Protein backbone atom coordinates (compact mmCIF):
# COMPACT_ATOMS: atom_id res chain seq x y z
CA UNK A 1 20.88 -5.52 -10.76
CA UNK A 2 18.96 -8.76 -10.52
CA UNK A 3 18.11 -10.91 -7.53
CA UNK A 4 18.11 -14.69 -7.87
CA UNK A 5 17.43 -17.31 -5.27
CA UNK A 6 20.09 -19.97 -5.78
CA UNK A 7 19.95 -23.58 -4.66
CA UNK A 8 23.67 -24.31 -4.47
CA UNK A 9 23.09 -27.95 -3.55
CA UNK A 10 21.13 -28.68 -6.75
CA UNK A 11 22.77 -25.94 -8.87
CA UNK A 12 19.44 -24.42 -9.84
CA UNK A 13 18.01 -20.96 -9.37
CA UNK A 14 14.92 -18.83 -9.81
CA UNK A 15 14.79 -15.09 -10.73
CA UNK A 16 12.82 -14.40 -7.57
CA UNK A 17 13.89 -12.87 -4.27
CA UNK A 18 12.11 -11.79 -1.10
CA UNK A 19 13.56 -8.85 0.80
CA UNK A 20 12.10 -9.02 4.31
CA UNK A 21 13.37 -5.61 5.43
CA UNK A 22 13.09 -3.24 2.47
CA UNK A 23 15.19 -0.08 2.99
CA UNK A 24 14.25 1.71 -0.27
CA UNK A 25 17.88 2.47 -1.13
CA UNK A 26 17.46 1.37 -4.75
CA UNK A 27 15.45 3.90 -6.77
CA UNK A 28 15.17 1.73 -9.90
CA UNK A 29 15.62 -1.93 -10.70
CA UNK A 30 15.89 -4.34 -13.62
CA UNK A 31 13.19 -6.62 -12.21
CA UNK A 32 9.54 -6.20 -11.33
CA UNK A 33 8.96 -5.22 -7.70
CA UNK A 34 5.96 -5.87 -5.49
CA UNK A 35 6.49 -3.79 -2.35
CA UNK A 36 4.19 -4.44 0.59
CA UNK A 37 4.31 -1.61 3.13
CA UNK A 38 2.73 -3.05 6.26
CA UNK A 39 3.54 -0.36 8.81
CA UNK A 40 4.00 3.40 8.90
CA UNK A 41 3.28 6.40 6.73
CA UNK A 42 5.31 8.62 4.44
CA UNK A 43 5.85 10.55 1.25
CA UNK A 44 7.55 8.93 -1.71
CA UNK A 45 8.15 9.91 -5.29
CA UNK A 46 7.04 7.31 -7.82
CA UNK A 47 8.19 8.38 -11.27
CA UNK A 48 6.84 11.97 -11.51
CA UNK A 49 4.22 11.70 -8.75
CA UNK A 50 4.74 12.56 -5.11
CA UNK A 51 2.57 10.20 -3.05
CA UNK A 52 1.42 10.45 0.54
CA UNK A 53 0.47 6.99 1.81
CA UNK A 54 -0.46 5.02 4.90
CA UNK A 55 0.11 1.33 5.51
CA UNK A 56 -1.04 -1.22 4.51
CA UNK A 57 -0.22 -0.40 0.89
CA UNK A 58 1.06 -2.40 -2.08
CA UNK A 59 3.28 -0.82 -4.76
CA UNK A 60 3.60 -2.57 -8.13
CA UNK A 61 6.66 -1.42 -10.09
CA UNK A 62 8.00 -2.49 -13.48
CA UNK A 63 11.66 -2.33 -14.44
CA UNK A 64 11.47 1.27 -15.71
CA UNK A 65 9.68 2.71 -12.69
CA UNK A 66 11.65 4.81 -10.24
CA UNK A 67 10.91 5.13 -6.56
CA UNK A 68 12.59 7.50 -4.12
CA UNK A 69 11.87 8.20 -0.48
CA UNK A 70 11.24 11.77 0.61
CA UNK A 71 9.88 11.34 4.13
CA UNK A 72 9.07 8.18 6.06
CA UNK A 73 7.73 7.63 9.57
CA UNK A 74 8.19 4.16 11.11
CA UNK A 75 7.86 2.44 7.74
CA UNK A 76 8.34 -1.31 7.46
CA UNK A 77 8.06 -3.16 4.18
CA UNK A 78 8.78 -6.40 2.36
CA UNK A 79 9.58 -6.61 -1.36
CA UNK A 80 9.25 -9.40 -3.88
CA UNK A 81 11.73 -8.97 -6.73
CA UNK A 82 10.83 -11.15 -9.70
CA UNK A 83 11.30 -11.61 -13.39
CA UNK A 84 7.94 -12.06 -15.20
CA UNK A 85 9.13 -15.45 -16.53
CA UNK A 86 8.35 -16.66 -13.01
CA UNK A 87 4.67 -16.27 -13.94
CA UNK A 88 4.97 -17.69 -17.44
CA UNK A 89 8.09 -18.89 -19.25
CA UNK A 90 7.21 -16.94 -22.41
CA UNK A 91 7.02 -13.58 -20.59
CA UNK A 92 10.21 -11.88 -21.61
CA UNK A 93 10.03 -8.11 -21.23
CA UNK A 94 9.90 -7.78 -25.02
CA UNK A 95 6.97 -10.20 -25.26
CA UNK A 96 5.08 -8.38 -22.53
CA UNK A 97 5.38 -5.13 -24.49
CA UNK A 98 3.88 -6.79 -27.56
CA UNK A 99 0.26 -7.16 -28.60
CA UNK A 100 -1.64 -9.17 -25.93
CA UNK A 101 -4.02 -10.37 -28.66
CA UNK A 102 -1.19 -12.62 -29.87
CA UNK A 103 -1.30 -14.56 -26.60
CA UNK A 104 -3.20 -17.78 -26.06
CA UNK A 105 -6.14 -17.80 -23.65
CA UNK A 106 -4.02 -19.24 -20.84
CA UNK A 107 -1.15 -16.83 -21.56
CA UNK A 108 -3.54 -13.89 -21.56
CA UNK A 109 -4.90 -14.91 -18.14
CA UNK A 110 -1.35 -14.86 -16.79
CA UNK A 111 -0.72 -11.56 -18.57
CA UNK A 112 -3.68 -10.00 -16.74
CA UNK A 113 -2.09 -10.87 -13.42
CA UNK A 114 0.82 -8.61 -14.37
CA UNK A 115 -1.33 -5.69 -15.53
CA UNK A 116 -0.47 -3.48 -12.52
CA UNK A 117 3.21 -3.74 -13.50
CA UNK A 118 2.94 -3.07 -17.23
CA UNK A 119 3.66 0.06 -19.23
CA UNK A 120 0.97 1.58 -21.40
CA UNK A 121 -2.33 3.46 -21.42
CA UNK A 122 -4.15 0.55 -19.78
CA UNK A 123 -1.72 0.32 -16.88
CA UNK A 124 -3.45 0.75 -13.54
CA UNK A 125 -3.15 -0.18 -9.92
CA UNK A 126 0.48 0.76 -9.30
CA UNK A 127 -0.58 1.66 -5.77
CA UNK A 128 -3.18 -0.48 -4.04
CA UNK A 129 -4.45 0.43 -0.59
CA UNK A 130 -5.46 -2.80 1.13
CA UNK A 131 -7.64 -3.39 4.17
CA UNK A 132 -6.76 -5.13 7.42
CA UNK A 133 -8.15 -8.50 6.34
CA UNK A 134 -6.22 -8.37 3.07
CA UNK A 135 -3.10 -7.29 4.95
CA UNK A 136 -3.19 -10.43 7.09
CA UNK A 137 -3.65 -12.65 4.05
CA UNK A 138 -0.75 -11.02 2.17
CA UNK A 139 1.48 -11.48 5.21
CA UNK A 140 0.59 -15.19 5.24
CA UNK A 141 1.54 -15.45 1.57
CA UNK A 142 4.86 -13.67 2.23
CA UNK A 143 5.64 -15.90 5.21
CA UNK A 144 5.02 -18.98 3.07
CA UNK A 145 7.19 -17.61 0.29
CA UNK A 146 9.95 -16.70 2.73
CA UNK A 147 9.92 -20.20 4.14
CA UNK A 148 10.24 -21.76 0.68
CA UNK A 149 13.10 -19.48 -0.35
CA UNK A 150 14.92 -19.87 2.96
CA UNK A 151 14.78 -23.65 3.23
CA UNK A 152 15.01 -24.89 -0.42
CA UNK A 153 14.28 -28.25 1.17
CA UNK A 154 13.57 -30.34 -1.95
CA UNK A 155 13.37 -30.33 -5.75
CA UNK A 156 9.92 -28.72 -5.72
CA UNK A 157 10.78 -25.40 -4.01
CA UNK A 158 10.75 -23.55 -7.34
CA UNK A 159 7.29 -24.85 -8.27
CA UNK A 160 5.91 -24.02 -4.85
CA UNK A 161 7.47 -20.55 -4.88
CA UNK A 162 6.01 -19.80 -8.29
CA UNK A 163 2.59 -20.99 -7.16
CA UNK A 164 2.70 -18.62 -4.17
CA UNK A 165 3.58 -15.68 -6.43
CA UNK A 166 0.65 -16.66 -8.61
CA UNK A 167 -1.63 -16.69 -5.56
CA UNK A 168 -0.43 -13.25 -4.45
CA UNK A 169 -0.97 -11.69 -7.87
CA UNK A 170 -4.38 -13.34 -8.20
CA UNK A 171 -5.39 -11.97 -4.82
CA UNK A 172 -4.21 -8.45 -5.72
CA UNK A 173 -6.09 -8.65 -9.02
CA UNK A 174 -9.23 -9.58 -7.08
CA UNK A 175 -8.74 -6.67 -4.68
CA UNK A 176 -8.30 -4.21 -7.49
CA UNK A 177 -11.00 -5.39 -9.88
CA UNK A 178 -13.71 -6.86 -7.65
CA UNK A 179 -13.57 -5.04 -4.35
CA UNK A 180 -14.35 -1.43 -3.56
CA UNK A 181 -10.94 0.22 -3.32
CA UNK A 182 -10.80 3.50 -1.44
CA UNK A 183 -7.17 4.49 -1.78
CA UNK A 184 -5.88 6.19 1.32
CA UNK A 185 -3.09 8.06 -0.41
CA UNK A 186 -2.86 11.49 -1.93
CA UNK A 187 -0.86 12.83 -4.86
CA UNK A 188 0.95 15.95 -3.73
CA UNK A 189 1.36 18.54 -6.48
CA UNK A 190 4.64 20.06 -5.29
CA UNK A 191 7.00 19.94 -2.35
CA UNK A 192 6.12 22.27 0.49
CA UNK A 193 6.48 22.68 4.24
CA UNK A 194 2.86 21.54 4.54
CA UNK A 195 4.06 18.02 3.66
CA UNK A 196 5.62 17.75 7.10
CA UNK A 197 2.38 18.78 8.78
CA UNK A 198 0.35 16.26 6.76
CA UNK A 199 2.82 13.50 7.53
CA UNK A 200 2.75 14.40 11.22
CA UNK A 201 -1.05 14.15 11.26
CA UNK A 202 -0.95 10.73 9.57
CA UNK A 203 1.63 9.50 12.07
CA UNK A 204 -0.07 10.87 15.18
CA UNK A 205 -3.81 10.97 14.43
CA UNK A 206 -4.61 9.02 17.62
CA UNK A 207 -3.03 11.77 19.74
CA UNK A 208 -4.54 15.11 20.69
CA UNK A 209 -3.77 17.48 17.78
CA UNK A 210 -4.79 21.12 17.72
CA UNK A 211 -3.82 24.09 15.62
CA UNK A 212 -1.92 25.55 18.55
CA UNK A 213 -0.04 22.28 18.99
CA UNK A 214 0.96 22.21 15.32
CA UNK A 215 2.15 25.81 15.37
CA UNK A 216 4.44 24.95 18.27
CA UNK A 217 5.78 21.79 16.66
CA UNK A 218 6.49 23.42 13.29
CA UNK A 219 7.27 26.96 14.47
CA UNK A 220 4.72 28.60 12.21
CA UNK A 221 1.94 31.05 12.99
CA UNK A 222 -1.66 29.87 12.92
CA UNK A 223 -2.80 32.00 9.97
CA UNK A 224 0.05 30.90 7.71
CA UNK A 225 -0.43 27.27 8.66
CA UNK A 226 -4.16 27.38 7.96
CA UNK A 227 -3.76 29.15 4.62
CA UNK A 228 -0.94 26.93 3.34
CA UNK A 229 -2.65 23.73 4.48
CA UNK A 230 -5.92 24.64 2.78
CA UNK A 231 -4.05 25.56 -0.40
CA UNK A 232 -2.41 22.11 -0.57
CA UNK A 233 -5.28 19.89 0.64
CA UNK A 234 -8.40 21.91 -0.13
CA UNK A 235 -9.67 21.58 3.44
CA UNK A 236 -8.80 22.95 6.87
CA UNK A 237 -6.35 21.25 9.20
CA UNK A 238 -9.06 20.08 11.58
CA UNK A 239 -11.33 18.85 8.79
CA UNK A 240 -8.44 16.86 7.30
CA UNK A 241 -7.67 15.35 10.70
CA UNK A 242 -11.30 14.37 11.35
CA UNK A 243 -11.70 12.86 7.86
CA UNK A 244 -8.58 10.76 8.42
CA UNK A 245 -9.79 9.59 11.83
CA UNK A 246 -13.22 8.69 10.45
CA UNK A 247 -11.62 6.82 7.56
CA UNK A 248 -9.51 4.71 9.92
CA UNK A 249 -12.45 4.20 12.29
CA UNK A 250 -14.57 2.95 9.37
CA UNK A 251 -11.87 0.39 8.50
CA UNK A 252 -11.74 -0.85 12.09
CA UNK A 253 -15.52 -1.04 12.28
CA UNK A 254 -15.92 -2.97 9.05
CA UNK A 255 -12.92 -5.30 9.30
CA UNK A 256 -12.53 -6.03 13.01
CA UNK A 257 -14.71 -6.85 16.02
CA UNK A 258 -12.98 -4.28 18.24
CA UNK A 259 -15.57 -2.58 20.49
CA UNK A 260 -16.71 0.83 19.34
CA UNK A 261 -15.68 2.27 22.71
CA UNK A 262 -12.09 1.20 21.98
CA UNK A 263 -12.12 2.31 18.34
CA UNK A 264 -13.05 5.86 19.22
CA UNK A 265 -10.03 6.19 21.52
CA UNK A 266 -7.71 4.49 19.03
CA UNK A 267 -8.66 7.07 16.42
CA UNK A 268 -8.17 10.14 18.59
CA UNK A 269 -11.70 10.75 19.86
CA UNK A 270 -12.11 11.08 23.61
CA UNK A 271 -15.87 11.47 23.72
CA UNK A 272 -18.39 8.94 22.38
CA UNK A 273 -20.98 11.62 21.62
CA UNK A 274 -18.53 13.66 19.56
CA UNK A 275 -17.31 10.53 17.79
CA UNK A 276 -20.85 9.48 16.92
CA UNK A 277 -21.76 12.93 15.66
CA UNK A 278 -18.64 13.24 13.48
CA UNK A 279 -18.99 9.70 12.14
CA UNK A 280 -22.58 10.31 11.09
CA UNK A 281 -21.64 13.65 9.54
CA UNK A 282 -18.99 12.12 7.28
CA UNK A 283 -20.55 8.71 6.54
CA UNK A 284 -24.29 9.15 7.00
CA UNK A 285 -24.36 6.31 9.55
CA UNK A 286 -23.87 5.91 13.25
CA UNK A 287 -20.83 3.71 14.08
CA UNK A 288 -23.07 0.75 15.00
CA UNK A 289 -25.19 1.16 11.85
CA UNK A 290 -22.05 1.28 9.73
CA UNK A 291 -20.70 -1.91 11.28
CA UNK A 292 -24.01 -3.73 10.71
CA UNK A 293 -24.20 -2.54 7.09
CA UNK A 294 -20.75 -3.96 6.37
CA UNK A 295 -21.42 -7.29 8.04
CA UNK A 296 -24.69 -7.99 6.21
């Protein structure tokens, strides 16, 4: 299956399509896919790997990748379907699988933009966890692209659409190669009941969560829950929860101007002293020190 945007008035098309409400019903596809998950959390299977993720996350899939949903919680996503010829007219799938040394300097620069989508030992970045600032910028790109593909208002819509795709891929390449990426996803070795507990924690970290609460929700005794959780994650339930809360708090501190007093409540802490103590334990900084270090 291929998605084209067709300009019926001018009888021209482009192998490029923006799905604004991705439902993940198609496990594989004949085109490249850039999936931007901007809300929610879940577990998906990408090829042979089971991935636990939290939004905002970008998935870069080539035509042989498979993606199936196992568990999702309030997930919203947009997907760009595109043929690589949108980036460069010479980029047939066969050419992309060839020796990149045969490409010209300009062609190789375009080839690098597609590196997260390509098959081979050097392939990397299929999953890119982005920050809040990057999320906003990607959404702006997608809104611009959606406007171009919806209106098709003149003869230049294809050129403008291609330029936006180029901007998006350039931005993702910058995120992956130049910025410090701390991926907030976990590869799960095998399917287990603990998956549901982990997903619940990711979806409800701002709420009060205790071992007793989890045993009631999942109808499991405390000892079994603790043992199985530690076996899958390597840490205790409470340690996992605190690490997740601190991770999200660090993102809010470094990428927003939200007051610390609000951040601690938004990440499930009800006491500023406890929040400060836990934050220093896991980061080595107080919340205010951490914010200053990231703004300097």
